[in-house]
Amino acid sequence: MKYRFMDIAACPMCKHFPLELYVIETKEYPER
């Protein structure tokens, strides 16, 4: 579910939030 949340949250800020942030968030919350 974290993947969808990140996608929706970063969707409008996709240009300001690169894949690096997505990877960091995923590592911070693996099963969250």
PDB file of N, CA and C in Angstrom:
ATOM      1  N   MET A   1       0.837  -1.209   0.000  1.00  0.00           N
ATOM      2  CA  MET A   1       0.000   0.000   0.000  1.00  0.00           C
ATOM      3  C   MET A   1       0.873   1.260   0.000  1.00  0.00           C
ATOM      4  N   LYS A   2       2.075   1.115   0.528  1.00  0.00           N
ATOM      5  CA  LYS A   2       2.978   2.271   0.575  1.00  0.00           C
ATOM      6  C   LYS A   2       3.307   2.734  -0.844  1.00  0.00           C
ATOM      7  N   TYR A   3       3.378   1.770  -1.768  1.00  0.00           N
ATOM      8  CA  TYR A   3       3.710   2.117  -3.156  1.00  0.00           C
ATOM      9  C   TYR A   3       2.647   3.047  -3.725  1.00  0.00           C
ATOM     10  N   ARG A   4       1.385   2.695  -3.539  1.00  0.00           N
ATOM     11  CA  ARG A   4       0.292   3.523  -4.075  1.00  0.00           C
ATOM     12  C   ARG A   4       0.283   4.892  -3.403  1.00  0.00           C
ATOM     13  N   PHE A   5       0.477   4.902  -2.087  1.00  0.00           N
ATOM     14  CA  PHE A   5       0.476   6.171  -1.349  1.00  0.00           C
ATOM     15  C   PHE A   5       1.575   7.096  -1.870  1.00  0.00           C
ATOM     16  N   MET A   6       2.775   6.533  -2.045  1.00  0.00           N
ATOM     17  CA  MET A   6       3.899   7.323  -2.537  1.00  0.00           C
ATOM     18  C   MET A   6       3.610   7.827  -3.947  1.00  0.00           C
ATOM     19  N   ASP A   7       3.027   6.952  -4.775  1.00  0.00           N
ATOM     20  CA  ASP A   7       2.735   7.310  -6.163  1.00  0.00           C
ATOM     21  C   ASP A   7       1.759   8.483  -6.202  1.00  0.00           C
ATOM     22  N   ILE A   8       0.703   8.418  -5.403  1.00  0.00           N
ATOM     23  CA  ILE A   8      -0.309   9.481  -5.385  1.00  0.00           C
ATOM     24  C   ILE A   8       0.279  10.767  -4.795  1.00  0.00           C
ATOM     25  N   ALA A   9       1.096  10.611  -3.750  1.00  0.00           N
ATOM     26  CA  ALA A   9       1.675  11.785  -3.087  1.00  0.00           C
ATOM     27  C   ALA A   9       2.738  12.446  -3.965  1.00  0.00           C
ATOM     28  N   ALA A  10       3.461  11.633  -4.737  1.00  0.00           N
ATOM     29  CA  ALA A  10       4.537  12.165  -5.576  1.00  0.00           C
ATOM     30  C   ALA A  10       4.051  12.432  -6.999  1.00  0.00           C
ATOM     31  N   CYS A  11       2.847  12.007  -7.295  1.00  0.00           N
ATOM     32  CA  CYS A  11       2.305  12.186  -8.650  1.00  0.00           C
ATOM     33  C   CYS A  11       2.316  13.661  -9.063  1.00  0.00           C
ATOM     34  N   PRO A  12       1.706  14.554  -8.282  1.00  0.00           N
ATOM     35  CA  PRO A  12       1.696  15.979  -8.634  1.00  0.00           C
ATOM     36  C   PRO A  12       3.071  16.619  -8.488  1.00  0.00           C
ATOM     37  N   MET A  13       3.928  16.021  -7.652  1.00  0.00           N
ATOM     38  CA  MET A  13       5.268  16.579  -7.450  1.00  0.00           C
ATOM     39  C   MET A  13       6.313  15.670  -8.076  1.00  0.00           C
ATOM     40  N   CYS A  14       5.894  14.899  -9.070  1.00  0.00           N
ATOM     41  CA  CYS A  14       6.807  13.948  -9.720  1.00  0.00           C
ATOM     42  C   CYS A  14       8.064  14.673 -10.197  1.00  0.00           C
ATOM     43  N   LYS A  15       7.903  15.878 -10.741  1.00  0.00           N
ATOM     44  CA  LYS A  15       9.055  16.615 -11.271  1.00  0.00           C
ATOM     45  C   LYS A  15       9.985  17.055 -10.144  1.00  0.00           C
ATOM     46  N   HIS A  16       9.417  17.318  -8.974  1.00  0.00           N
ATOM     47  CA  HIS A  16      10.250  17.780  -7.861  1.00  0.00           C
ATOM     48  C   HIS A  16      10.774  16.616  -7.027  1.00  0.00           C
ATOM     49  N   PHE A  17      10.110  15.464  -7.163  1.00  0.00           N
ATOM     50  CA  PHE A  17      10.527  14.290  -6.385  1.00  0.00           C
ATOM     51  C   PHE A  17      10.950  13.165  -7.312  1.00  0.00           C
ATOM     52  N   PRO A  18      12.257  12.992  -7.521  1.00  0.00           N
ATOM     53  CA  PRO A  18      12.781  11.945  -8.401  1.00  0.00           C
ATOM     54  C   PRO A  18      12.603  10.560  -7.798  1.00  0.00           C
ATOM     55  N   LEU A  19      13.080   9.542  -8.514  1.00  0.00           N
ATOM     56  CA  LEU A  19      12.948   8.155  -8.036  1.00  0.00           C
ATOM     57  C   LEU A  19      13.755   7.944  -6.759  1.00  0.00           C
ATOM     58  N   GLU A  20      14.756   8.776  -6.527  1.00  0.00           N
ATOM     59  CA  GLU A  20      15.580   8.620  -5.318  1.00  0.00           C
ATOM     60  C   GLU A  20      14.715   8.700  -4.070  1.00  0.00           C
ATOM     61  N   LEU A  21      13.828   9.671  -4.005  1.00  0.00           N
ATOM     62  CA  LEU A  21      12.956   9.818  -2.840  1.00  0.00           C
ATOM     63  C   LEU A  21      12.086   8.576  -2.685  1.00  0.00           C
ATOM     64  N   TYR A  22      11.578   8.075  -3.809  1.00  0.00           N
ATOM     65  CA  TYR A  22      10.733   6.880  -3.781  1.00  0.00           C
ATOM     66  C   TYR A  22      11.500   5.700  -3.197  1.00  0.00           C
ATOM     67  N   VAL A  23      12.746   5.546  -3.611  1.00  0.00           N
ATOM     68  CA  VAL A  23      13.578   4.437  -3.113  1.00  0.00           C
ATOM     69  C   VAL A  23      13.835   4.606  -1.614  1.00  0.00           C
ATOM     70  N   ILE A  24      14.129   5.823  -1.189  1.00  0.00           N
ATOM     71  CA  ILE A  24      14.400   6.084   0.231  1.00  0.00           C
ATOM     72  C   ILE A  24      13.156   5.766   1.058  1.00  0.00           C
ATOM     73  N   GLU A  25      12.006   6.220   0.611  1.00  0.00           N
ATOM     74  CA  GLU A  25      10.758   5.954   1.334  1.00  0.00           C
ATOM     75  C   GLU A  25      10.499   4.461   1.406  1.00  0.00           C
ATOM     76  N   THR A  26      10.775   3.758   0.322  1.00  0.00           N
ATOM     77  CA  THR A  26      10.554   2.310   0.289  1.00  0.00           C
ATOM     78  C   THR A  26      11.462   1.617   1.296  1.00  0.00           C
ATOM     79  N   LYS A  27      12.704   2.081   1.406  1.00  0.00           N
ATOM     80  CA  LYS A  27      13.638   1.451   2.362  1.00  0.00           C
ATOM     81  C   LYS A  27      13.238   1.801   3.790  1.00  0.00           C
ATOM     82  N   GLU A  28      12.754   3.015   3.994  1.00  0.00           N
ATOM     83  CA  GLU A  28      12.328   3.433   5.333  1.00  0.00           C
ATOM     84  C   GLU A  28      11.108   2.637   5.780  1.00  0.00           C
ATOM     85  N   TYR A  29      10.185   2.406   4.849  1.00  0.00           N
ATOM     86  CA  TYR A  29       8.977   1.642   5.161  1.00  0.00           C
ATOM     87  C   TYR A  29       8.820   0.493   4.172  1.00  0.00           C
ATOM     88  N   PRO A  30       9.526  -0.617   4.402  1.00  0.00           N
ATOM     89  CA  PRO A  30       9.471  -1.769   3.485  1.00  0.00           C
ATOM     90  C   PRO A  30       8.084  -2.400   3.421  1.00  0.00           C
ATOM     91  N   GLU A  31       7.518  -2.756   4.575  1.00  0.00           N
ATOM     92  CA  GLU A  31       6.193  -3.408   4.588  1.00  0.00           C
ATOM     93  C   GLU A  31       5.155  -2.491   5.191  1.00  0.00           C
ATOM     94  N   ARG A  32       5.373  -1.187   5.066  1.00  0.00           N
ATOM     95  CA  ARG A  32       4.425  -0.259   5.652  1.00  0.00           C
ATOM     96  C   ARG A  32       3.843   0.523   4.510  1.00  0.00           C
TER      97      ARG A  32
END
